Amino acid sequence: EDNNIIRHIQLKTSKLGAKASGQKVNVRL
């Protein structure tokens, strides 16, 4: 939370050069 904005964040990671084409995310977000 900053500037009166609350962010619920789902974090994803990939190594530099990884071939990941997408991410799976939770709809409840």
PDB file of all heavy atoms in Angstrom:
ATOM      1  N   GLU A   1       0.838  -1.196   0.000  1.00  0.00           N
ATOM      2  CA  GLU A   1       0.000   0.000   0.000  1.00  0.00           C
ATOM      3  C   GLU A   1       0.873   1.246   0.000  1.00  0.00           C
ATOM      4  O   GLU A   1       1.814   1.376   0.779  1.00  0.00           O
ATOM      5  CB  GLU A   1      -0.924   0.041   1.221  1.00  0.00           C
ATOM      6  CG  GLU A   1      -1.813   1.271   1.216  1.00  0.00           C
ATOM      7  CD  GLU A   1      -2.767   1.346   2.399  1.00  0.00           C
ATOM      8  OE1 GLU A   1      -2.772   0.423   3.242  1.00  0.00           O
ATOM      9  OE2 GLU A   1      -3.503   2.340   2.481  1.00  0.00           O
ATOM     10  N   ASP A   2       0.545   2.163  -0.909  1.00  0.00           N
ATOM     11  CA  ASP A   2       1.184   3.475  -0.973  1.00  0.00           C
ATOM     12  C   ASP A   2       0.243   4.402  -1.713  1.00  0.00           C
ATOM     13  O   ASP A   2      -0.554   3.956  -2.548  1.00  0.00           O
ATOM     14  CB  ASP A   2       2.533   3.408  -1.696  1.00  0.00           C
ATOM     15  CG  ASP A   2       3.387   4.669  -1.473  1.00  0.00           C
ATOM     16  OD1 ASP A   2       2.956   5.570  -0.729  1.00  0.00           O
ATOM     17  OD2 ASP A   2       4.486   4.739  -2.040  1.00  0.00           O
ATOM     18  N   ASN A   3       0.321   5.694  -1.425  1.00  0.00           N
ATOM     19  CA  ASN A   3      -0.500   6.699  -2.110  1.00  0.00           C
ATOM     20  C   ASN A   3      -1.991   6.361  -2.015  1.00  0.00           C
ATOM     21  O   ASN A   3      -2.749   6.579  -2.957  1.00  0.00           O
ATOM     22  CB  ASN A   3      -0.046   6.822  -3.579  1.00  0.00           C
ATOM     23  CG  ASN A   3      -0.617   8.034  -4.261  1.00  0.00           C
ATOM     24  OD1 ASN A   3      -0.753   9.097  -3.665  1.00  0.00           O
ATOM     25  ND2 ASN A   3      -0.965   7.876  -5.529  1.00  0.00           N
ATOM     26  N   ASN A   4      -2.411   5.767  -0.895  1.00  0.00           N
ATOM     27  CA  ASN A   4      -3.792   5.339  -0.670  1.00  0.00           C
ATOM     28  C   ASN A   4      -4.266   4.293  -1.674  1.00  0.00           C
ATOM     29  O   ASN A   4      -5.459   4.142  -1.898  1.00  0.00           O
ATOM     30  CB  ASN A   4      -4.752   6.536  -0.652  1.00  0.00           C
ATOM     31  CG  ASN A   4      -4.500   7.425   0.532  1.00  0.00           C
ATOM     32  OD1 ASN A   4      -4.280   6.941   1.652  1.00  0.00           O
ATOM     33  ND2 ASN A   4      -4.490   8.725   0.313  1.00  0.00           N
ATOM     34  N   ILE A   5      -3.347   3.582  -2.289  1.00  0.00           N
ATOM     35  CA  ILE A   5      -3.650   2.494  -3.219  1.00  0.00           C
ATOM     36  C   ILE A   5      -3.181   1.192  -2.582  1.00  0.00           C
ATOM     37  O   ILE A   5      -2.030   1.076  -2.160  1.00  0.00           O
ATOM     38  CB  ILE A   5      -2.923   2.671  -4.578  1.00  0.00           C
ATOM     39  CG1 ILE A   5      -3.254   4.011  -5.224  1.00  0.00           C
ATOM     40  CG2 ILE A   5      -3.204   1.491  -5.502  1.00  0.00           C
ATOM     41  CD1 ILE A   5      -4.679   4.183  -5.674  1.00  0.00           C
ATOM     42  N   ILE A   6      -4.080   0.223  -2.514  1.00  0.00           N
ATOM     43  CA  ILE A   6      -3.742  -1.102  -1.989  1.00  0.00           C
ATOM     44  C   ILE A   6      -3.636  -2.047  -3.176  1.00  0.00           C
ATOM     45  O   ILE A   6      -4.575  -2.167  -3.966  1.00  0.00           O
ATOM     46  CB  ILE A   6      -4.821  -1.613  -1.016  1.00  0.00           C
ATOM     47  CG1 ILE A   6      -4.937  -0.680   0.189  1.00  0.00           C
ATOM     48  CG2 ILE A   6      -4.505  -3.044  -0.575  1.00  0.00           C
ATOM     49  CD1 ILE A   6      -6.110  -0.983   1.093  1.00  0.00           C
ATOM     50  N   ARG A   7      -2.504  -2.697  -3.300  1.00  0.00           N
ATOM     51  CA  ARG A   7      -2.270  -3.649  -4.385  1.00  0.00           C
ATOM     52  C   ARG A   7      -2.099  -5.053  -3.826  1.00  0.00           C
ATOM     53  O   ARG A   7      -1.166  -5.316  -3.068  1.00  0.00           O
ATOM     54  CB  ARG A   7      -1.004  -3.278  -5.165  1.00  0.00           C
ATOM     55  CG  ARG A   7      -1.132  -2.089  -6.068  1.00  0.00           C
ATOM     56  CD  ARG A   7      -1.992  -2.406  -7.274  1.00  0.00           C
ATOM     57  NE  ARG A   7      -1.824  -1.382  -8.295  1.00  0.00           N
ATOM     58  CZ  ARG A   7      -2.369  -1.456  -9.489  1.00  0.00           C
ATOM     59  NH1 ARG A   7      -3.095  -2.492  -9.830  1.00  0.00           N
ATOM     60  NH2 ARG A   7      -2.180  -0.484 -10.366  1.00  0.00           N
ATOM     61  N   HIS A   8      -3.019  -5.943  -4.191  1.00  0.00           N
ATOM     62  CA  HIS A   8      -2.867  -7.363  -3.907  1.00  0.00           C
ATOM     63  C   HIS A   8      -2.131  -7.936  -5.109  1.00  0.00           C
ATOM     64  O   HIS A   8      -2.648  -7.904  -6.230  1.00  0.00           O
ATOM     65  CB  HIS A   8      -4.230  -8.037  -3.748  1.00  0.00           C
ATOM     66  CG  HIS A   8      -4.932  -7.653  -2.484  1.00  0.00           C
ATOM     67  ND1 HIS A   8      -5.513  -6.422  -2.292  1.00  0.00           N
ATOM     68  CD2 HIS A   8      -5.127  -8.350  -1.344  1.00  0.00           C
ATOM     69  CE1 HIS A   8      -6.047  -6.377  -1.084  1.00  0.00           C
ATOM     70  NE2 HIS A   8      -5.816  -7.529  -0.488  1.00  0.00           N
ATOM     71  N   ILE A   9      -0.928  -8.446  -4.876  1.00  0.00           N
ATOM     72  CA  ILE A   9      -0.042  -8.813  -5.982  1.00  0.00           C
ATOM     73  C   ILE A   9       0.245 -10.315  -5.985  1.00  0.00           C
ATOM     74  O   ILE A   9       0.656 -10.879  -4.968  1.00  0.00           O
ATOM     75  CB  ILE A   9       1.292  -8.043  -5.896  1.00  0.00           C
ATOM     76  CG1 ILE A   9       1.030  -6.537  -5.895  1.00  0.00           C
ATOM     77  CG2 ILE A   9       2.224  -8.438  -7.047  1.00  0.00           C
ATOM     78  CD1 ILE A   9       2.262  -5.683  -5.628  1.00  0.00           C
ATOM     79  N   GLN A  10       0.025 -10.911  -7.137  1.00  0.00           N
ATOM     80  CA  GLN A  10       0.476 -12.279  -7.355  1.00  0.00           C
ATOM     81  C   GLN A  10       1.814 -12.163  -8.078  1.00  0.00           C
ATOM     82  O   GLN A  10       1.907 -11.521  -9.132  1.00  0.00           O
ATOM     83  CB  GLN A  10      -0.525 -13.075  -8.187  1.00  0.00           C
ATOM     84  CG  GLN A  10      -0.146 -14.523  -8.331  1.00  0.00           C
ATOM     85  CD  GLN A  10      -1.252 -15.359  -8.982  1.00  0.00           C
ATOM     86  OE1 GLN A  10      -2.095 -14.861  -9.701  1.00  0.00           O
ATOM     87  NE2 GLN A  10      -1.217 -16.653  -8.714  1.00  0.00           N
ATOM     88  N   LEU A  11       2.853 -12.725  -7.496  1.00  0.00           N
ATOM     89  CA  LEU A  11       4.192 -12.656  -8.078  1.00  0.00           C
ATOM     90  C   LEU A  11       4.490 -13.905  -8.895  1.00  0.00           C
ATOM     91  O   LEU A  11       4.159 -15.019  -8.481  1.00  0.00           O
ATOM     92  CB  LEU A  11       5.247 -12.512  -6.981  1.00  0.00           C
ATOM     93  CG  LEU A  11       5.248 -11.197  -6.214  1.00  0.00           C
ATOM     94  CD1 LEU A  11       6.224 -11.266  -5.051  1.00  0.00           C
ATOM     95  CD2 LEU A  11       5.578 -10.029  -7.125  1.00  0.00           C
ATOM     96  N   LYS A  12       5.113 -13.691 -10.034  1.00  0.00           N
ATOM     97  CA  LYS A  12       5.581 -14.766 -10.902  1.00  0.00           C
ATOM     98  C   LYS A  12       7.029 -14.463 -11.231  1.00  0.00           C
ATOM     99  O   LYS A  12       7.434 -13.296 -11.252  1.00  0.00           O
ATOM    100  CB  LYS A  12       4.757 -14.838 -12.189  1.00  0.00           C
ATOM    101  CG  LYS A  12       3.278 -15.071 -11.977  1.00  0.00           C
ATOM    102  CD  LYS A  12       3.049 -16.455 -11.440  1.00  0.00           C
ATOM    103  CE  LYS A  12       1.574 -16.781 -11.320  1.00  0.00           C
ATOM    104  NZ  LYS A  12       1.370 -18.165 -10.867  1.00  0.00           N
ATOM    105  N   THR A  13       7.815 -15.482 -11.500  1.00  0.00           N
ATOM    106  CA  THR A  13       9.217 -15.254 -11.840  1.00  0.00           C
ATOM    107  C   THR A  13       9.641 -16.135 -13.007  1.00  0.00           C
ATOM    108  O   THR A  13       9.093 -17.223 -13.200  1.00  0.00           O
ATOM    109  CB  THR A  13      10.161 -15.531 -10.654  1.00  0.00           C
ATOM    110  OG1 THR A  13      10.066 -16.908 -10.300  1.00  0.00           O
ATOM    111  CG2 THR A  13       9.835 -14.654  -9.457  1.00  0.00           C
ATOM    112  N   SER A  14      10.625 -15.633 -13.750  1.00  0.00           N
ATOM    113  CA  SER A  14      11.263 -16.400 -14.817  1.00  0.00           C
ATOM    114  C   SER A  14      12.719 -15.976 -14.905  1.00  0.00           C
ATOM    115  O   SER A  14      13.034 -14.802 -14.703  1.00  0.00           O
ATOM    116  CB  SER A  14      10.620 -16.127 -16.178  1.00  0.00           C
ATOM    117  OG  SER A  14       9.322 -16.643 -16.260  1.00  0.00           O
ATOM    118  N   LYS A  15      13.575 -16.933 -15.221  1.00  0.00           N
ATOM    119  CA  LYS A  15      14.972 -16.609 -15.462  1.00  0.00           C
ATOM    120  C   LYS A  15      15.079 -15.842 -16.778  1.00  0.00           C
ATOM    121  O   LYS A  15      14.300 -16.075 -17.707  1.00  0.00           O
ATOM    122  CB  LYS A  15      15.814 -17.882 -15.559  1.00  0.00           C
ATOM    123  CG  LYS A  15      15.860 -18.680 -14.278  1.00  0.00           C
ATOM    124  CD  LYS A  15      16.798 -19.866 -14.393  1.00  0.00           C
ATOM    125  CE  LYS A  15      16.220 -20.933 -15.284  1.00  0.00           C
ATOM    126  NZ  LYS A  15      17.040 -22.164 -15.292  1.00  0.00           N
ATOM    127  N   LEU A  16      16.039 -14.939 -16.846  1.00  0.00           N
ATOM    128  CA  LEU A  16      16.331 -14.205 -18.066  1.00  0.00           C
ATOM    129  C   LEU A  16      16.591 -15.203 -19.188  1.00  0.00           C
ATOM    130  O   LEU A  16      17.358 -16.147 -19.021  1.00  0.00           O
ATOM    131  CB  LEU A  16      17.557 -13.315 -17.839  1.00  0.00           C
ATOM    132  CG  LEU A  16      17.924 -12.310 -18.905  1.00  0.00           C
ATOM    133  CD1 LEU A  16      16.804 -11.294 -19.091  1.00  0.00           C
ATOM    134  CD2 LEU A  16      19.207 -11.588 -18.515  1.00  0.00           C
ATOM    135  N   GLY A  17      15.913 -15.039 -20.303  1.00  0.00           N
ATOM    136  CA  GLY A  17      16.077 -15.944 -21.429  1.00  0.00           C
ATOM    137  C   GLY A  17      15.162 -17.152 -21.405  1.00  0.00           C
ATOM    138  O   GLY A  17      15.162 -17.951 -22.345  1.00  0.00           O
ATOM    139  N   ALA A  18      14.357 -17.304 -20.347  1.00  0.00           N
ATOM    140  CA  ALA A  18      13.419 -18.430 -20.270  1.00  0.00           C
ATOM    141  C   ALA A  18      12.382 -18.312 -21.384  1.00  0.00           C
ATOM    142  O   ALA A  18      12.065 -17.221 -21.847  1.00  0.00           O
ATOM    143  CB  ALA A  18      12.738 -18.458 -18.906  1.00  0.00           C
ATOM    144  N   LYS A  19      11.846 -19.427 -21.791  1.00  0.00           N
ATOM    145  CA  LYS A  19      10.909 -19.443 -22.894  1.00  0.00           C
ATOM    146  C   LYS A  19       9.448 -19.432 -22.439  1.00  0.00           C
ATOM    147  O   LYS A  19       8.558 -19.737 -23.226  1.00  0.00           O
ATOM    148  CB  LYS A  19      11.178 -20.645 -23.780  1.00  0.00           C
ATOM    149  CG  LYS A  19      12.605 -20.643 -24.326  1.00  0.00           C
ATOM    150  CD  LYS A  19      12.732 -21.393 -25.598  1.00  0.00           C
ATOM    151  CE  LYS A  19      14.122 -21.459 -26.154  1.00  0.00           C
ATOM    152  NZ  LYS A  19      15.003 -20.375 -25.964  1.00  0.00           N
ATOM    153  N   ALA A  20       9.199 -19.076 -21.188  1.00  0.00           N
ATOM    154  CA  ALA A  20       7.826 -19.049 -20.665  1.00  0.00           C
ATOM    155  C   ALA A  20       6.973 -18.119 -21.522  1.00  0.00           C
ATOM    156  O   ALA A  20       7.313 -16.971 -21.744  1.00  0.00           O
ATOM    157  CB  ALA A  20       7.818 -18.583 -19.221  1.00  0.00           C
ATOM    158  N   SER A  21       5.849 -18.640 -21.998  1.00  0.00           N
ATOM    159  CA  SER A  21       4.984 -17.853 -22.883  1.00  0.00           C
ATOM    160  C   SER A  21       3.770 -17.296 -22.162  1.00  0.00           C
ATOM    161  O   SER A  21       2.995 -16.546 -22.743  1.00  0.00           O
ATOM    162  CB  SER A  21       4.528 -18.717 -24.060  1.00  0.00           C
ATOM    163  OG  SER A  21       3.770 -19.819 -23.583  1.00  0.00           O
ATOM    164  N   GLY A  22       3.595 -17.680 -20.911  1.00  0.00           N
ATOM    165  CA  GLY A  22       2.447 -17.204 -20.158  1.00  0.00           C
ATOM    166  C   GLY A  22       2.546 -17.600 -18.700  1.00  0.00           C
ATOM    167  O   GLY A  22       3.520 -18.224 -18.276  1.00  0.00           O
ATOM    168  N   GLN A  23       1.515 -17.229 -17.957  1.00  0.00           N
ATOM    169  CA  GLN A  23       1.466 -17.536 -16.527  1.00  0.00           C
ATOM    170  C   GLN A  23       0.055 -17.941 -16.141  1.00  0.00           C
ATOM    171  O   GLN A  23      -0.921 -17.489 -16.738  1.00  0.00           O
ATOM    172  CB  GLN A  23       1.885 -16.327 -15.691  1.00  0.00           C
ATOM    173  CG  GLN A  23       3.334 -15.946 -15.825  1.00  0.00           C
ATOM    174  CD  GLN A  23       4.283 -16.940 -15.167  1.00  0.00           C
ATOM    175  OE1 GLN A  23       3.882 -17.842 -14.422  1.00  0.00           O
ATOM    176  NE2 GLN A  23       5.561 -16.777 -15.431  1.00  0.00           N
ATOM    177  N   LYS A  24      -0.021 -18.769 -15.116  1.00  0.00           N
ATOM    178  CA  LYS A  24      -1.314 -19.171 -14.553  1.00  0.00           C
ATOM    179  C   LYS A  24      -1.624 -18.248 -13.390  1.00  0.00           C
ATOM    180  O   LYS A  24      -0.779 -18.038 -12.521  1.00  0.00           O
ATOM    181  CB  LYS A  24      -1.265 -20.618 -14.091  1.00  0.00           C
ATOM    182  CG  LYS A  24      -1.078 -21.584 -15.236  1.00  0.00           C
ATOM    183  CD  LYS A  24      -0.945 -23.006 -14.742  1.00  0.00           C
ATOM    184  CE  LYS A  24      -0.720 -23.936 -15.922  1.00  0.00           C
ATOM    185  NZ  LYS A  24      -0.419 -25.293 -15.497  1.00  0.00           N
ATOM    186  N   VAL A  25      -2.838 -17.697 -13.383  1.00  0.00           N
ATOM    187  CA  VAL A  25      -3.216 -16.744 -12.344  1.00  0.00           C
ATOM    188  C   VAL A  25      -4.568 -17.121 -11.744  1.00  0.00           C
ATOM    189  O   VAL A  25      -5.404 -17.739 -12.394  1.00  0.00           O
ATOM    190  CB  VAL A  25      -3.240 -15.297 -12.878  1.00  0.00           C
ATOM    191  CG1 VAL A  25      -1.880 -14.903 -13.409  1.00  0.00           C
ATOM    192  CG2 VAL A  25      -4.278 -15.127 -13.949  1.00  0.00           C
ATOM    193  N   ASN A  26      -4.753 -16.722 -10.501  1.00  0.00           N
ATOM    194  CA  ASN A  26      -5.972 -17.032  -9.767  1.00  0.00           C
ATOM    195  C   ASN A  26      -7.032 -15.968 -10.043  1.00  0.00           C
ATOM    196  O   ASN A  26      -6.782 -14.777  -9.873  1.00  0.00           O
ATOM    197  CB  ASN A  26      -5.651 -17.095  -8.267  1.00  0.00           C
ATOM    198  CG  ASN A  26      -6.744 -17.736  -7.461  1.00  0.00           C
ATOM    199  OD1 ASN A  26      -7.903 -17.386  -7.587  1.00  0.00           O
ATOM    200  ND2 ASN A  26      -6.375 -18.673  -6.612  1.00  0.00           N
ATOM    201  N   VAL A  27      -8.242 -16.401 -10.449  1.00  0.00           N
ATOM    202  CA  VAL A  27      -9.320 -15.455 -10.774  1.00  0.00           C
ATOM    203  C   VAL A  27      -9.783 -14.667  -9.554  1.00  0.00           C
ATOM    204  O   VAL A  27     -10.311 -13.569  -9.689  1.00  0.00           O
ATOM    205  CB  VAL A  27     -10.533 -16.142 -11.435  1.00  0.00           C
ATOM    206  CG1 VAL A  27     -10.157 -16.727 -12.775  1.00  0.00           C
ATOM    207  CG2 VAL A  27     -11.151 -17.181 -10.532  1.00  0.00           C
ATOM    208  N   ARG A  28      -9.585 -15.200  -8.367  1.00  0.00           N
ATOM    209  CA  ARG A  28     -10.034 -14.497  -7.160  1.00  0.00           C
ATOM    210  C   ARG A  28      -9.247 -13.216  -6.902  1.00  0.00           C
ATOM    211  O   ARG A  28      -9.669 -12.360  -6.138  1.00  0.00           O
ATOM    212  CB  ARG A  28      -9.967 -15.424  -5.949  1.00  0.00           C
ATOM    213  CG  ARG A  28     -11.102 -16.437  -5.974  1.00  0.00           C
ATOM    214  CD  ARG A  28     -11.147 -17.231  -4.708  1.00  0.00           C
ATOM    215  NE  ARG A  28     -10.912 -18.624  -5.104  1.00  0.00           N
ATOM    216  CZ  ARG A  28     -10.513 -19.563  -4.302  1.00  0.00           C
ATOM    217  NH1 ARG A  28     -10.264 -19.306  -3.043  1.00  0.00           N
ATOM    218  NH2 ARG A  28     -10.337 -20.780  -4.742  1.00  0.00           N
ATOM    219  N   LEU A  29      -8.127 -13.078  -7.584  1.00  0.00           N
ATOM    220  CA  LEU A  29      -7.351 -11.847  -7.480  1.00  0.00           C
ATOM    221  C   LEU A  29      -8.183 -10.652  -7.959  1.00  0.00           C
ATOM    222  O   LEU A  29      -8.005  -9.532  -7.492  1.00  0.00           O
ATOM    223  CB  LEU A  29      -6.077 -11.983  -8.303  1.00  0.00           C
ATOM    224  CG  LEU A  29      -4.919 -11.066  -8.003  1.00  0.00           C
ATOM    225  CD1 LEU A  29      -4.506 -11.127  -6.541  1.00  0.00           C
ATOM    226  CD2 LEU A  29      -3.736 -11.404  -8.883  1.00  0.00           C
TER     227      LEU A  29
END
